[in-house]
């Protein structure tokens, strides 16, 4: 499986599993200057669950994405966007 697609599916699986509104989770991918940027859009009620206390949950997700990206010799970043109701 292509690394970019694998990271996308990983984010969809993990964030969708954490969210109370998994149907509202959207993940956009864009490549900017050699960096694969993943924007994760959430329902406002899910922001606390996905970000976690002190950002620990999203930090762990980012660490796993970065480790996978490094293994496949690409650069990646994850941004969380909370949609307004």
Protein backbone atom coordinates (compact mmCIF):
# COMPACT_ATOMS: atom_id res chain seq x y z
CA UNK A 1 0.00 0.00 0.00
CA UNK A 2 1.22 3.49 -0.81
CA UNK A 3 2.49 5.31 2.34
CA UNK A 4 0.34 8.42 1.74
CA UNK A 5 -2.82 6.31 1.50
CA UNK A 6 -1.80 4.19 4.52
CA UNK A 7 -1.38 7.30 6.69
CA UNK A 8 -4.74 8.62 5.50
CA UNK A 9 -6.46 5.35 6.39
CA UNK A 10 -4.69 5.23 9.76
CA UNK A 11 -5.94 8.72 10.63
CA UNK A 12 -9.45 7.85 9.48
CA UNK A 13 -9.48 4.70 11.63
CA UNK A 14 -8.01 6.23 14.80
CA UNK A 15 -9.83 9.57 14.76
CA UNK A 16 -13.09 7.91 13.68
CA UNK A 17 -12.76 5.50 16.62
CA UNK A 18 -12.22 8.32 19.10
CA UNK A 19 -14.99 10.57 17.81
CA UNK A 20 -18.58 10.45 19.02
CA UNK A 21 -19.60 11.75 15.59
CA UNK A 22 -17.44 9.65 13.23
CA UNK A 23 -19.63 10.62 10.28
CA UNK A 24 -18.42 14.22 10.70
CA UNK A 25 -14.72 13.31 10.54
CA UNK A 26 -13.10 14.35 7.28
CA UNK A 27 -9.45 14.09 6.34
CA UNK A 28 -7.97 16.16 3.54
CA UNK A 29 -4.53 15.53 2.10
CA UNK A 30 -2.41 18.08 0.33
CA UNK A 31 1.26 18.11 -0.60
CA UNK A 32 3.03 21.43 -0.02
CA UNK A 33 6.73 21.84 -0.75
CA UNK A 34 7.43 18.14 -0.28
CA UNK A 35 5.44 17.85 2.97
CA UNK A 36 2.29 15.76 3.07
CA UNK A 37 -0.24 17.78 5.09
CA UNK A 38 -3.24 16.02 6.59
CA UNK A 39 -6.06 18.24 7.84
CA UNK A 40 -8.48 16.45 10.16
CA UNK A 41 -11.89 18.13 10.38
CA UNK A 42 -13.96 17.34 13.50
CA UNK A 43 -17.39 17.98 14.94
CA UNK A 44 -17.02 20.58 17.76
CA UNK A 45 -18.08 18.05 20.42
CA UNK A 46 -15.23 15.70 19.42
CA UNK A 47 -12.37 18.16 19.76
CA UNK A 48 -11.70 17.33 23.43
CA UNK A 49 -11.69 13.59 22.81
CA UNK A 50 -9.31 13.77 19.85
CA UNK A 51 -7.00 16.48 21.18
CA UNK A 52 -6.92 15.08 24.71
CA UNK A 53 -5.83 16.63 27.98
CA UNK A 54 -2.88 18.88 27.28
CA UNK A 55 -2.80 17.69 23.66
CA UNK A 56 -1.51 14.24 24.62
CA UNK A 57 -3.85 12.25 22.39
CA UNK A 58 -3.24 14.29 19.25
CA UNK A 59 0.46 14.35 20.12
CA UNK A 60 0.52 10.56 20.15
CA UNK A 61 -1.33 10.42 16.83
CA UNK A 62 1.17 12.88 15.31
CA UNK A 63 4.10 10.83 16.65
CA UNK A 64 2.79 7.68 14.98
CA UNK A 65 2.20 9.51 11.70
CA UNK A 66 5.70 11.00 11.79
CA UNK A 67 7.26 7.62 12.55
CA UNK A 68 5.44 6.04 9.63
CA UNK A 69 6.41 8.91 7.34
CA UNK A 70 10.07 8.64 8.35
CA UNK A 71 10.03 4.90 7.71
CA UNK A 72 8.87 5.59 4.15
CA UNK A 73 11.24 8.55 3.75
CA UNK A 74 8.53 11.19 3.36
CA UNK A 75 7.63 14.22 5.46
CA UNK A 76 4.16 14.56 7.00
CA UNK A 77 2.24 16.78 9.41
CA UNK A 78 -1.21 16.58 10.99
CA UNK A 79 -3.45 19.57 11.66
CA UNK A 80 -6.73 19.34 13.58
CA UNK A 81 -9.53 21.68 12.51
CA UNK A 82 -12.73 21.97 14.56
CA UNK A 83 -15.70 22.84 12.39
CA UNK A 84 -18.27 25.26 13.64
CA UNK A 85 -21.82 24.07 14.17
